[in-house]
N, C-alpha and C. Protein backbone atom coordinates (compact mmCIF):
# COMPACT_ATOMS: atom_id res chain seq x y z
N UNK A 1 -61.27 115.25 56.59
CA UNK A 1 -60.81 114.26 55.62
C UNK A 1 -59.29 114.24 55.62
N UNK A 2 -58.70 113.03 55.49
CA UNK A 2 -57.25 112.91 55.56
C UNK A 2 -56.71 112.44 54.22
N UNK A 3 -55.69 113.13 53.73
CA UNK A 3 -55.04 112.74 52.48
C UNK A 3 -53.69 112.11 52.78
N UNK A 4 -53.33 111.07 52.05
CA UNK A 4 -51.95 110.57 52.07
C UNK A 4 -51.30 111.17 50.85
N UNK A 5 -50.32 112.03 51.05
CA UNK A 5 -49.81 112.81 49.93
C UNK A 5 -48.60 112.19 49.24
N UNK A 6 -48.90 111.53 48.16
CA UNK A 6 -47.87 111.16 47.18
C UNK A 6 -48.28 111.96 45.95
N UNK A 7 -47.65 113.10 45.76
CA UNK A 7 -48.14 114.04 44.75
C UNK A 7 -47.99 113.50 43.33
N UNK A 8 -49.09 113.59 42.61
CA UNK A 8 -49.10 113.21 41.21
C UNK A 8 -48.75 114.46 40.39
N UNK A 9 -48.38 114.22 39.14
CA UNK A 9 -48.18 115.34 38.22
C UNK A 9 -49.46 115.47 37.40
N UNK A 10 -50.15 116.58 37.60
CA UNK A 10 -51.42 116.77 36.92
C UNK A 10 -51.26 117.66 35.69
N UNK A 11 -51.94 117.24 34.62
CA UNK A 11 -51.87 118.01 33.38
C UNK A 11 -52.58 119.34 33.51
N UNK A 12 -53.55 119.40 34.41
CA UNK A 12 -54.33 120.61 34.60
C UNK A 12 -55.42 120.34 35.62
N UNK A 13 -56.29 121.31 35.87
CA UNK A 13 -57.33 121.15 36.89
C UNK A 13 -58.29 119.99 36.63
N UNK A 14 -58.61 119.73 35.36
CA UNK A 14 -59.51 118.61 35.06
C UNK A 14 -58.86 117.28 35.45
N UNK A 15 -57.55 117.22 35.28
CA UNK A 15 -56.81 116.02 35.64
C UNK A 15 -56.87 115.78 37.15
N UNK A 16 -56.76 116.85 37.93
CA UNK A 16 -56.85 116.74 39.39
C UNK A 16 -58.26 116.33 39.81
N UNK A 17 -59.28 116.94 39.21
CA UNK A 17 -60.67 116.58 39.52
C UNK A 17 -60.89 115.09 39.23
N UNK A 18 -60.41 114.63 38.07
CA UNK A 18 -60.57 113.24 37.70
C UNK A 18 -59.86 112.32 38.69
N UNK A 19 -58.68 112.73 39.15
CA UNK A 19 -57.92 111.97 40.14
C UNK A 19 -58.72 111.82 41.44
N UNK A 20 -59.30 112.92 41.91
CA UNK A 20 -60.08 112.90 43.15
C UNK A 20 -61.32 112.01 43.03
N UNK A 21 -61.93 112.01 41.83
CA UNK A 21 -63.12 111.20 41.60
C UNK A 21 -62.77 109.72 41.53
N UNK A 22 -61.71 109.41 40.76
CA UNK A 22 -61.33 108.01 40.56
C UNK A 22 -60.85 107.34 41.84
N UNK A 23 -60.32 108.14 42.78
CA UNK A 23 -59.92 107.58 44.08
C UNK A 23 -61.11 106.97 44.81
N UNK A 24 -62.28 107.53 44.56
CA UNK A 24 -63.50 107.07 45.24
C UNK A 24 -64.21 105.96 44.46
N UNK A 25 -63.72 105.73 43.24
CA UNK A 25 -64.34 104.72 42.37
C UNK A 25 -65.83 105.01 42.15
N UNK A 26 -66.09 106.30 41.96
CA UNK A 26 -67.46 106.76 41.68
C UNK A 26 -67.44 107.63 40.43
N UNK A 27 -68.62 107.97 39.95
CA UNK A 27 -68.70 108.94 38.86
C UNK A 27 -68.85 110.32 39.48
N UNK A 28 -68.57 111.35 38.70
CA UNK A 28 -68.66 112.71 39.23
C UNK A 28 -70.08 113.04 39.65
N UNK A 29 -71.07 112.41 39.03
CA UNK A 29 -72.46 112.69 39.35
C UNK A 29 -72.89 112.10 40.69
N UNK A 30 -72.06 111.21 41.24
CA UNK A 30 -72.39 110.58 42.53
C UNK A 30 -71.74 111.30 43.71
N UNK A 31 -70.88 112.29 43.42
CA UNK A 31 -70.17 113.01 44.48
C UNK A 31 -70.78 114.39 44.65
N UNK A 32 -71.14 114.78 45.87
CA UNK A 32 -71.68 116.13 46.10
C UNK A 32 -70.69 117.21 45.65
N UNK A 33 -71.19 118.23 45.01
CA UNK A 33 -70.34 119.34 44.54
C UNK A 33 -69.56 119.94 45.70
N UNK A 34 -70.21 120.08 46.86
CA UNK A 34 -69.54 120.68 48.02
C UNK A 34 -68.33 119.86 48.45
N UNK A 35 -68.46 118.53 48.40
CA UNK A 35 -67.35 117.66 48.78
C UNK A 35 -66.21 117.74 47.78
N UNK A 36 -66.55 117.75 46.51
CA UNK A 36 -65.54 117.84 45.45
C UNK A 36 -64.78 119.17 45.55
N UNK A 37 -65.51 120.25 45.79
CA UNK A 37 -64.90 121.57 45.92
C UNK A 37 -63.93 121.62 47.10
N UNK A 38 -64.36 121.06 48.23
CA UNK A 38 -63.51 121.04 49.43
C UNK A 38 -62.24 120.25 49.21
N UNK A 39 -62.37 119.08 48.58
CA UNK A 39 -61.20 118.23 48.37
C UNK A 39 -60.22 118.86 47.38
N UNK A 40 -60.77 119.50 46.35
CA UNK A 40 -59.92 120.19 45.37
C UNK A 40 -59.14 121.31 46.07
N UNK A 41 -59.84 122.10 46.87
CA UNK A 41 -59.21 123.21 47.59
C UNK A 41 -58.15 122.70 48.57
N UNK A 42 -58.48 121.63 49.31
CA UNK A 42 -57.53 121.06 50.27
C UNK A 42 -56.27 120.56 49.59
N UNK A 43 -56.46 119.97 48.42
CA UNK A 43 -55.30 119.46 47.69
C UNK A 43 -54.39 120.61 47.25
N UNK A 44 -55.00 121.70 46.80
CA UNK A 44 -54.20 122.87 46.40
C UNK A 44 -53.46 123.45 47.60
N UNK A 45 -54.10 123.47 48.75
CA UNK A 45 -53.46 123.99 49.96
C UNK A 45 -52.25 123.15 50.33
N UNK A 46 -52.38 121.84 50.19
CA UNK A 46 -51.24 120.96 50.47
C UNK A 46 -50.12 121.17 49.46
N UNK A 47 -50.48 121.41 48.23
CA UNK A 47 -49.48 121.69 47.19
C UNK A 47 -48.71 122.97 47.53
N UNK A 48 -49.44 123.97 48.05
CA UNK A 48 -48.79 125.23 48.47
C UNK A 48 -47.82 124.98 49.62
N UNK A 49 -48.22 124.15 50.58
CA UNK A 49 -47.37 123.84 51.73
C UNK A 49 -46.06 123.20 51.29
N UNK A 50 -46.12 122.42 50.22
CA UNK A 50 -44.92 121.75 49.71
C UNK A 50 -44.22 122.58 48.64
N UNK A 51 -44.65 123.84 48.53
CA UNK A 51 -44.04 124.79 47.57
C UNK A 51 -44.09 124.29 46.13
N UNK A 52 -45.17 123.62 45.78
CA UNK A 52 -45.34 123.16 44.41
C UNK A 52 -46.04 124.24 43.60
N UNK A 53 -45.66 124.34 42.35
CA UNK A 53 -46.20 125.39 41.49
C UNK A 53 -47.68 125.14 41.19
N UNK A 54 -48.48 126.17 41.41
CA UNK A 54 -49.92 126.10 41.10
C UNK A 54 -50.23 127.17 40.07
N UNK A 55 -50.69 126.76 38.92
CA UNK A 55 -50.97 127.72 37.85
C UNK A 55 -52.30 128.42 38.08
N UNK A 56 -52.52 129.48 37.33
CA UNK A 56 -53.75 130.26 37.46
C UNK A 56 -54.99 129.43 37.11
N UNK A 57 -54.81 128.41 36.24
CA UNK A 57 -55.95 127.55 35.86
C UNK A 57 -56.49 126.80 37.06
N UNK A 58 -55.58 126.32 37.93
CA UNK A 58 -56.00 125.59 39.13
C UNK A 58 -56.74 126.53 40.09
N UNK A 59 -56.21 127.74 40.24
CA UNK A 59 -56.83 128.72 41.15
C UNK A 59 -58.22 129.11 40.65
N UNK A 60 -58.33 129.33 39.34
CA UNK A 60 -59.61 129.70 38.74
C UNK A 60 -60.63 128.57 38.90
N UNK A 61 -60.17 127.33 38.74
CA UNK A 61 -61.07 126.18 38.89
C UNK A 61 -61.51 126.01 40.34
N UNK A 62 -60.60 126.25 41.28
CA UNK A 62 -60.94 126.18 42.71
C UNK A 62 -62.03 127.20 43.04
N UNK A 63 -61.87 128.42 42.50
CA UNK A 63 -62.86 129.47 42.73
C UNK A 63 -64.21 129.09 42.12
N UNK A 64 -64.17 128.50 40.93
CA UNK A 64 -65.39 128.07 40.24
C UNK A 64 -66.12 126.99 41.05
N UNK A 65 -65.34 126.01 41.56
CA UNK A 65 -65.94 124.93 42.36
C UNK A 65 -66.53 125.47 43.66
N UNK A 66 -65.83 126.41 44.27
CA UNK A 66 -66.34 127.00 45.52
C UNK A 66 -67.63 127.79 45.27
N UNK A 67 -67.70 128.43 44.11
CA UNK A 67 -68.93 129.15 43.75
C UNK A 67 -70.08 128.16 43.58
N UNK A 68 -69.80 127.04 42.91
CA UNK A 68 -70.83 126.01 42.74
C UNK A 68 -71.24 125.43 44.09
N UNK A 69 -70.26 125.26 44.98
CA UNK A 69 -70.55 124.74 46.31
C UNK A 69 -71.51 125.67 47.05
N UNK A 70 -71.21 126.97 47.05
CA UNK A 70 -72.04 127.93 47.78
C UNK A 70 -73.46 127.94 47.23
N UNK A 71 -73.58 127.81 45.91
CA UNK A 71 -74.90 127.80 45.28
C UNK A 71 -75.64 126.50 45.56
N UNK A 72 -74.88 125.40 45.70
CA UNK A 72 -75.52 124.10 45.98
C UNK A 72 -76.08 124.04 47.39
N UNK A 73 -75.52 124.85 48.31
CA UNK A 73 -75.96 124.83 49.70
C UNK A 73 -77.14 125.76 49.97
N UNK A 74 -77.43 126.62 49.00
CA UNK A 74 -78.55 127.55 49.16
C UNK A 74 -79.87 126.86 48.85
N UNK A 75 -80.94 127.23 49.57
CA UNK A 75 -82.26 126.69 49.22
C UNK A 75 -82.61 127.14 47.80
N UNK A 76 -83.03 126.23 46.98
CA UNK A 76 -83.35 126.60 45.60
C UNK A 76 -84.50 125.76 45.08
N UNK A 77 -85.17 126.28 44.13
CA UNK A 77 -86.30 125.56 43.52
C UNK A 77 -85.76 124.71 42.37
N UNK A 78 -86.60 123.83 41.89
CA UNK A 78 -86.21 122.98 40.76
C UNK A 78 -86.07 123.79 39.48
N UNK A 79 -86.48 125.07 39.55
CA UNK A 79 -86.40 125.92 38.38
C UNK A 79 -85.09 126.71 38.29
N UNK A 80 -84.14 126.39 39.20
CA UNK A 80 -82.86 127.10 39.19
C UNK A 80 -82.02 126.59 38.01
N UNK A 81 -82.38 127.05 36.84
CA UNK A 81 -81.77 126.56 35.60
C UNK A 81 -80.30 126.94 35.48
N UNK A 82 -79.92 128.11 36.00
CA UNK A 82 -78.54 128.57 35.89
C UNK A 82 -77.59 127.64 36.65
N UNK A 83 -78.00 127.25 37.86
CA UNK A 83 -77.17 126.34 38.66
C UNK A 83 -77.07 124.97 37.98
N UNK A 84 -78.18 124.47 37.50
CA UNK A 84 -78.20 123.16 36.83
C UNK A 84 -77.31 123.20 35.58
N UNK A 85 -77.38 124.30 34.85
CA UNK A 85 -76.57 124.46 33.65
C UNK A 85 -75.08 124.47 33.98
N UNK A 86 -74.70 125.20 35.05
CA UNK A 86 -73.29 125.27 35.46
C UNK A 86 -72.78 123.90 35.92
N UNK A 87 -73.63 123.20 36.65
CA UNK A 87 -73.26 121.87 37.16
C UNK A 87 -73.10 120.88 36.00
N UNK A 88 -74.03 120.94 35.05
CA UNK A 88 -73.95 120.04 33.89
C UNK A 88 -72.73 120.34 33.04
N UNK A 89 -72.35 121.61 32.97
CA UNK A 89 -71.15 122.00 32.21
C UNK A 89 -69.92 121.35 32.84
N UNK A 90 -69.82 121.38 34.16
CA UNK A 90 -68.72 120.75 34.86
C UNK A 90 -68.72 119.23 34.62
N UNK A 91 -69.89 118.61 34.78
CA UNK A 91 -70.00 117.17 34.55
C UNK A 91 -69.54 116.81 33.13
N UNK A 92 -70.01 117.58 32.17
CA UNK A 92 -69.69 117.31 30.76
C UNK A 92 -68.18 117.40 30.52
N UNK A 93 -67.57 118.46 31.05
CA UNK A 93 -66.13 118.65 30.83
C UNK A 93 -65.31 117.53 31.44
N UNK A 94 -65.66 117.13 32.66
CA UNK A 94 -64.91 116.06 33.34
C UNK A 94 -65.13 114.72 32.64
N UNK A 95 -66.37 114.43 32.25
CA UNK A 95 -66.67 113.18 31.57
C UNK A 95 -65.98 113.10 30.21
N UNK A 96 -65.96 114.22 29.49
CA UNK A 96 -65.28 114.25 28.20
C UNK A 96 -63.78 114.09 28.38
N UNK A 97 -63.25 114.72 29.42
CA UNK A 97 -61.81 114.62 29.69
C UNK A 97 -61.43 113.17 30.04
N UNK A 98 -62.28 112.49 30.81
CA UNK A 98 -62.03 111.09 31.17
C UNK A 98 -61.98 110.22 29.91
N UNK A 99 -62.91 110.46 28.99
CA UNK A 99 -62.92 109.72 27.72
C UNK A 99 -61.67 110.01 26.91
N UNK A 100 -61.26 111.27 26.93
CA UNK A 100 -60.07 111.70 26.21
C UNK A 100 -58.82 111.00 26.74
N UNK A 101 -58.70 110.93 28.06
CA UNK A 101 -57.55 110.27 28.69
C UNK A 101 -57.51 108.79 28.32
N UNK A 102 -58.69 108.17 28.32
CA UNK A 102 -58.77 106.75 27.98
C UNK A 102 -58.39 106.52 26.52
N UNK A 103 -58.82 107.45 25.67
CA UNK A 103 -58.50 107.36 24.25
C UNK A 103 -57.00 107.47 24.01
N UNK A 104 -56.36 108.39 24.74
CA UNK A 104 -54.91 108.59 24.61
C UNK A 104 -54.16 107.33 25.05
N UNK A 105 -54.64 106.68 26.12
CA UNK A 105 -54.01 105.43 26.59
C UNK A 105 -54.06 104.37 25.49
N UNK A 106 -55.20 104.26 24.82
CA UNK A 106 -55.35 103.28 23.76
C UNK A 106 -54.43 103.60 22.58
N UNK A 107 -54.31 104.89 22.28
CA UNK A 107 -53.44 105.31 21.18
C UNK A 107 -51.99 105.00 21.50
N UNK A 108 -51.60 105.20 22.76
CA UNK A 108 -50.22 104.91 23.18
C UNK A 108 -49.88 103.44 22.99
N UNK A 109 -50.88 102.57 23.24
CA UNK A 109 -50.65 101.13 23.15
C UNK A 109 -50.67 100.62 21.71
N UNK A 110 -51.26 101.42 20.82
CA UNK A 110 -51.40 100.98 19.43
C UNK A 110 -50.04 100.91 18.75
N UNK A 111 -49.83 99.85 17.99
CA UNK A 111 -48.56 99.69 17.27
C UNK A 111 -48.47 100.69 16.12
N UNK A 112 -49.56 100.83 15.40
CA UNK A 112 -49.57 101.77 14.27
C UNK A 112 -50.53 102.90 14.57
N UNK A 113 -49.97 104.05 14.92
CA UNK A 113 -50.80 105.21 15.27
C UNK A 113 -51.21 105.93 13.99
N UNK A 114 -52.52 106.12 13.85
CA UNK A 114 -53.01 106.84 12.68
C UNK A 114 -54.30 107.53 13.04
N UNK A 115 -54.83 108.28 12.09
CA UNK A 115 -56.07 109.00 12.30
C UNK A 115 -57.22 108.03 12.57
N UNK A 116 -57.07 106.78 12.13
CA UNK A 116 -58.10 105.75 12.34
C UNK A 116 -58.19 105.34 13.81
N UNK A 117 -57.15 105.69 14.61
CA UNK A 117 -57.18 105.36 16.04
C UNK A 117 -58.18 106.23 16.80
N UNK A 118 -58.67 107.29 16.17
CA UNK A 118 -59.58 108.20 16.85
C UNK A 118 -61.01 107.79 16.55
N UNK A 119 -61.71 107.20 17.52
CA UNK A 119 -63.07 106.72 17.29
C UNK A 119 -64.10 107.83 17.39
N UNK A 120 -64.05 108.73 16.43
CA UNK A 120 -65.00 109.85 16.43
C UNK A 120 -65.34 110.18 14.98
N UNK A 121 -66.55 110.58 14.75
CA UNK A 121 -66.94 110.96 13.40
C UNK A 121 -66.42 112.36 13.11
N UNK A 122 -65.47 112.44 12.21
CA UNK A 122 -64.89 113.73 11.84
C UNK A 122 -65.97 114.64 11.27
N UNK A 123 -66.96 114.04 10.64
CA UNK A 123 -68.03 114.82 10.00
C UNK A 123 -68.79 115.66 11.02
N UNK A 124 -68.91 115.17 12.25
CA UNK A 124 -69.65 115.92 13.27
C UNK A 124 -68.88 117.14 13.74
N UNK A 125 -67.56 117.09 13.63
CA UNK A 125 -66.73 118.21 14.07
C UNK A 125 -66.40 119.15 12.93
N UNK A 126 -66.22 118.58 11.74
CA UNK A 126 -65.92 119.38 10.55
C UNK A 126 -67.05 119.20 9.53
N UNK A 127 -68.22 119.75 9.81
CA UNK A 127 -69.39 119.49 8.95
C UNK A 127 -69.24 119.96 7.52
N UNK A 128 -68.40 120.98 7.29
CA UNK A 128 -68.28 121.53 5.94
C UNK A 128 -67.06 121.00 5.20
N UNK A 129 -66.37 120.04 5.80
CA UNK A 129 -65.12 119.55 5.22
C UNK A 129 -65.28 118.09 4.84
N UNK A 130 -64.84 117.74 3.64
CA UNK A 130 -64.91 116.36 3.17
C UNK A 130 -64.01 115.47 4.03
N UNK A 131 -64.62 114.44 4.64
CA UNK A 131 -63.90 113.59 5.59
C UNK A 131 -62.72 112.87 4.95
N UNK A 132 -62.93 112.29 3.76
CA UNK A 132 -61.86 111.56 3.08
C UNK A 132 -60.71 112.48 2.72
N UNK A 133 -61.07 113.69 2.28
CA UNK A 133 -60.04 114.67 1.91
C UNK A 133 -59.21 115.07 3.14
N UNK A 134 -59.90 115.23 4.29
CA UNK A 134 -59.20 115.59 5.53
C UNK A 134 -58.27 114.47 5.97
N UNK A 135 -58.73 113.22 5.87
CA UNK A 135 -57.90 112.07 6.25
C UNK A 135 -56.66 111.98 5.36
N UNK A 136 -56.84 112.22 4.06
CA UNK A 136 -55.70 112.20 3.13
C UNK A 136 -54.72 113.32 3.46
N UNK A 137 -55.27 114.49 3.81
CA UNK A 137 -54.45 115.64 4.15
C UNK A 137 -53.59 115.34 5.37
N UNK A 138 -54.21 114.76 6.42
CA UNK A 138 -53.48 114.44 7.64
C UNK A 138 -52.45 113.35 7.39
N UNK A 139 -52.79 112.38 6.55
CA UNK A 139 -51.83 111.32 6.19
C UNK A 139 -50.61 111.91 5.49
N UNK A 140 -50.84 112.89 4.62
CA UNK A 140 -49.71 113.53 3.93
C UNK A 140 -48.85 114.34 4.90
N UNK A 141 -49.51 114.96 5.90
CA UNK A 141 -48.76 115.71 6.93
C UNK A 141 -47.89 114.75 7.74
N UNK A 142 -48.45 113.59 8.08
CA UNK A 142 -47.70 112.59 8.84
C UNK A 142 -46.45 112.16 8.07
N UNK A 143 -46.61 111.90 6.77
CA UNK A 143 -45.46 111.50 5.93
C UNK A 143 -44.43 112.60 5.86
N UNK A 144 -44.89 113.85 5.72
CA UNK A 144 -43.98 115.00 5.64
C UNK A 144 -43.18 115.16 6.93
N UNK A 145 -43.87 115.03 8.08
CA UNK A 145 -43.20 115.16 9.37
C UNK A 145 -42.18 114.04 9.57
N UNK A 146 -42.53 112.83 9.17
CA UNK A 146 -41.61 111.70 9.32
C UNK A 146 -40.36 111.89 8.48
N UNK A 147 -40.52 112.41 7.27
CA UNK A 147 -39.38 112.65 6.40
C UNK A 147 -38.52 113.79 6.93
N UNK A 148 -39.19 114.84 7.38
CA UNK A 148 -38.47 116.02 7.89
C UNK A 148 -37.67 115.69 9.14
N UNK A 149 -38.29 114.95 10.05
CA UNK A 149 -37.65 114.64 11.32
C UNK A 149 -36.86 113.33 11.27
N UNK A 150 -37.02 112.58 10.17
CA UNK A 150 -36.38 111.27 10.03
C UNK A 150 -36.75 110.36 11.20
N UNK A 151 -38.03 110.40 11.53
CA UNK A 151 -38.55 109.56 12.61
C UNK A 151 -39.32 108.42 11.97
N UNK A 152 -38.77 107.21 12.06
CA UNK A 152 -39.41 106.06 11.44
C UNK A 152 -39.99 105.11 12.46
N UNK A 153 -39.67 105.34 13.72
CA UNK A 153 -40.26 104.57 14.80
C UNK A 153 -40.82 105.55 15.80
N UNK A 154 -42.06 105.39 16.17
CA UNK A 154 -42.71 106.34 17.07
C UNK A 154 -42.16 106.19 18.47
N UNK A 155 -41.72 107.29 19.03
CA UNK A 155 -41.36 107.32 20.44
C UNK A 155 -42.59 107.79 21.19
N UNK A 156 -43.19 106.90 21.96
CA UNK A 156 -44.46 107.22 22.60
C UNK A 156 -44.24 108.01 23.88
N UNK A 157 -44.03 109.31 23.69
CA UNK A 157 -43.78 110.19 24.82
C UNK A 157 -45.09 110.55 25.51
N UNK A 158 -44.98 110.95 26.77
CA UNK A 158 -46.16 111.44 27.48
C UNK A 158 -46.39 112.89 27.09
N UNK A 159 -47.49 113.15 26.43
CA UNK A 159 -47.83 114.51 26.03
C UNK A 159 -49.07 114.92 26.79
N UNK A 160 -48.99 116.04 27.46
CA UNK A 160 -50.10 116.53 28.27
C UNK A 160 -51.22 117.06 27.37
N UNK A 161 -52.38 116.40 27.42
CA UNK A 161 -53.52 116.81 26.60
C UNK A 161 -54.00 118.21 26.96
N UNK A 162 -54.14 118.47 28.26
CA UNK A 162 -54.62 119.80 28.68
C UNK A 162 -53.62 120.88 28.28
N UNK A 163 -52.32 120.54 28.32
CA UNK A 163 -51.30 121.51 27.90
C UNK A 163 -51.43 121.80 26.41
N UNK A 164 -51.63 120.74 25.62
CA UNK A 164 -51.78 120.91 24.17
C UNK A 164 -53.03 121.74 23.87
N UNK A 165 -54.12 121.47 24.57
CA UNK A 165 -55.35 122.25 24.37
C UNK A 165 -55.12 123.72 24.71
N UNK A 166 -54.41 123.96 25.80
CA UNK A 166 -54.11 125.33 26.21
C UNK A 166 -53.21 126.03 25.18
N UNK A 167 -52.23 125.29 24.66
CA UNK A 167 -51.32 125.85 23.65
C UNK A 167 -52.08 126.24 22.40
N UNK A 168 -52.99 125.39 21.98
CA UNK A 168 -53.77 125.67 20.77
C UNK A 168 -54.64 126.92 20.97
N UNK A 169 -55.22 127.04 22.16
CA UNK A 169 -56.06 128.21 22.46
C UNK A 169 -55.25 129.50 22.46
N UNK A 170 -54.01 129.42 22.96
CA UNK A 170 -53.19 130.63 23.15
C UNK A 170 -52.19 130.88 22.02
N UNK A 171 -52.03 129.90 21.14
CA UNK A 171 -51.04 130.03 20.06
C UNK A 171 -51.48 131.08 19.05
N UNK A 172 -50.51 131.82 18.55
CA UNK A 172 -50.82 132.82 17.51
C UNK A 172 -51.09 132.13 16.17
N UNK A 173 -50.56 130.91 16.02
CA UNK A 173 -50.81 130.14 14.80
C UNK A 173 -52.23 129.59 14.83
N UNK A 174 -53.03 129.95 13.86
CA UNK A 174 -54.43 129.53 13.85
C UNK A 174 -54.75 128.61 12.67
N UNK A 175 -53.75 128.26 11.89
CA UNK A 175 -53.98 127.37 10.76
C UNK A 175 -53.81 125.93 11.20
N UNK A 176 -54.86 125.13 11.05
CA UNK A 176 -54.85 123.74 11.51
C UNK A 176 -53.70 122.95 10.89
N UNK A 177 -53.45 123.14 9.61
CA UNK A 177 -52.39 122.40 8.92
C UNK A 177 -51.03 122.73 9.50
N UNK A 178 -50.76 124.01 9.73
CA UNK A 178 -49.46 124.43 10.27
C UNK A 178 -49.25 123.91 11.69
N UNK A 179 -50.33 123.89 12.47
CA UNK A 179 -50.24 123.38 13.84
C UNK A 179 -49.85 121.91 13.83
N UNK A 180 -50.46 121.14 12.93
CA UNK A 180 -50.16 119.72 12.84
C UNK A 180 -48.77 119.46 12.28
N UNK A 181 -48.37 120.29 11.32
CA UNK A 181 -47.04 120.11 10.71
C UNK A 181 -45.92 120.37 11.71
N UNK A 182 -46.18 121.26 12.66
CA UNK A 182 -45.17 121.59 13.66
C UNK A 182 -45.18 120.54 14.78
N UNK A 183 -44.93 119.29 14.40
CA UNK A 183 -44.94 118.17 15.34
C UNK A 183 -43.66 117.36 15.18
N UNK A 184 -43.29 116.65 16.24
CA UNK A 184 -42.07 115.86 16.21
C UNK A 184 -42.26 114.52 15.53
N UNK A 185 -43.45 113.96 15.64
CA UNK A 185 -43.72 112.66 15.05
C UNK A 185 -45.23 112.51 14.87
N UNK A 186 -45.63 111.38 14.26
CA UNK A 186 -47.06 111.23 13.95
C UNK A 186 -47.90 111.01 15.21
N UNK A 187 -47.29 110.47 16.25
CA UNK A 187 -48.03 110.33 17.52
C UNK A 187 -48.45 111.70 18.03
N UNK A 188 -47.53 112.68 17.96
CA UNK A 188 -47.84 114.04 18.41
C UNK A 188 -48.90 114.68 17.53
N UNK A 189 -48.88 114.37 16.24
CA UNK A 189 -49.90 114.89 15.33
C UNK A 189 -51.28 114.41 15.77
N UNK A 190 -51.38 113.11 16.09
CA UNK A 190 -52.67 112.54 16.50
C UNK A 190 -53.15 113.18 17.80
N UNK A 191 -52.22 113.38 18.75
CA UNK A 191 -52.60 113.98 20.03
C UNK A 191 -53.09 115.42 19.82
N UNK A 192 -52.41 116.16 18.95
CA UNK A 192 -52.84 117.53 18.66
C UNK A 192 -54.22 117.53 18.01
N UNK A 193 -54.42 116.62 17.08
CA UNK A 193 -55.70 116.53 16.40
C UNK A 193 -56.80 116.18 17.40
N UNK A 194 -56.48 115.28 18.31
CA UNK A 194 -57.43 114.88 19.35
C UNK A 194 -57.78 116.07 20.25
N UNK A 195 -56.77 116.87 20.60
CA UNK A 195 -56.99 118.06 21.44
C UNK A 195 -57.88 119.07 20.72
N UNK A 196 -57.68 119.21 19.41
CA UNK A 196 -58.50 120.13 18.61
C UNK A 196 -59.96 119.66 18.58
N UNK A 197 -60.16 118.35 18.39
CA UNK A 197 -61.52 117.80 18.40
C UNK A 197 -62.20 118.06 19.74
N UNK A 198 -61.43 117.91 20.82
CA UNK A 198 -62.00 118.11 22.15
C UNK A 198 -62.38 119.58 22.37
N UNK A 199 -61.55 120.50 21.90
CA UNK A 199 -61.85 121.93 22.03
C UNK A 199 -63.12 122.30 21.25
N UNK A 200 -63.29 121.65 20.10
CA UNK A 200 -64.51 121.89 19.31
C UNK A 200 -65.73 121.37 20.07
N UNK A 201 -65.61 120.16 20.64
CA UNK A 201 -66.73 119.56 21.39
C UNK A 201 -67.08 120.39 22.62
N UNK A 202 -66.06 121.01 23.23
CA UNK A 202 -66.29 121.85 24.41
C UNK A 202 -66.74 123.27 24.03
N UNK A 203 -66.87 123.49 22.71
CA UNK A 203 -67.32 124.78 22.17
C UNK A 203 -66.40 125.93 22.56
N UNK A 204 -65.10 125.64 22.51
CA UNK A 204 -64.11 126.69 22.78
C UNK A 204 -63.51 127.24 21.48
N UNK A 205 -63.58 126.42 20.42
CA UNK A 205 -63.10 126.87 19.11
C UNK A 205 -64.05 126.39 18.02
N UNK A 206 -63.91 127.00 16.86
CA UNK A 206 -64.63 126.57 15.66
C UNK A 206 -63.59 126.36 14.56
N UNK A 207 -63.72 125.27 13.81
CA UNK A 207 -62.85 125.05 12.66
C UNK A 207 -63.60 125.55 11.42
N UNK A 208 -63.07 126.57 10.79
CA UNK A 208 -63.74 127.14 9.64
C UNK A 208 -63.45 126.31 8.39
N UNK A 209 -64.17 126.59 7.33
CA UNK A 209 -64.07 125.79 6.11
C UNK A 209 -62.66 125.81 5.52
N UNK A 210 -61.94 126.92 5.71
CA UNK A 210 -60.57 127.03 5.20
C UNK A 210 -59.54 126.43 6.16
N UNK A 211 -60.04 125.68 7.20
CA UNK A 211 -59.22 125.00 8.21
C UNK A 211 -58.48 125.97 9.14
N UNK A 212 -59.02 127.16 9.29
CA UNK A 212 -58.49 128.09 10.27
C UNK A 212 -59.29 127.92 11.58
N UNK A 213 -58.59 128.10 12.69
CA UNK A 213 -59.19 127.93 14.00
C UNK A 213 -59.63 129.29 14.53
N UNK A 214 -60.87 129.36 14.97
CA UNK A 214 -61.38 130.61 15.55
C UNK A 214 -61.90 130.34 16.95
N UNK A 215 -61.41 131.11 17.91
CA UNK A 215 -61.88 130.97 19.28
C UNK A 215 -63.30 131.51 19.41
N UNK A 216 -64.08 130.87 20.26
CA UNK A 216 -65.46 131.34 20.46
C UNK A 216 -65.50 132.27 21.67
């Protein structure tokens, strides 16, 4: 397979996987795992040749894809539930990430960015928290940040979703309110909130009733 290398800036391994899939104008479920693993690995090798920085997340994902590839090539029965589960996990993560990217694009284009721009039922993610109360709380945080930073017009910067998700996972700050308050503008607040929702959907964190974040 031949690549024409105009290197993109990828937010993380999911971003690279999505790039490889979208080039083919197919869904991830239509591409053989072995082919996806090979192309991901080849792309990383080219990045190494050009002395581009490759983080441990990319290397770990390459190893994971290669493991899936090796298992996909082995004779297996329809009862190989572990392989099916691993494959579905990958499909789910990539499909959710694609939706997330599309959502961020829509938010960037919106004139008035608010919590209403997020088309998701907050109740499904925060089952023990009153939805109206949470919306009011986030609205008050947005006003506080705008006053503190004196930002009255949103500067729609490119914020890496995967980077924000990684920061939330690794940050010592586990209070949802403090994480949102530590933002430059309301656009960043929405992106952080979106990243938190995605981490909950991916079952990487739990939001407790007191709005503290706990890793699973």
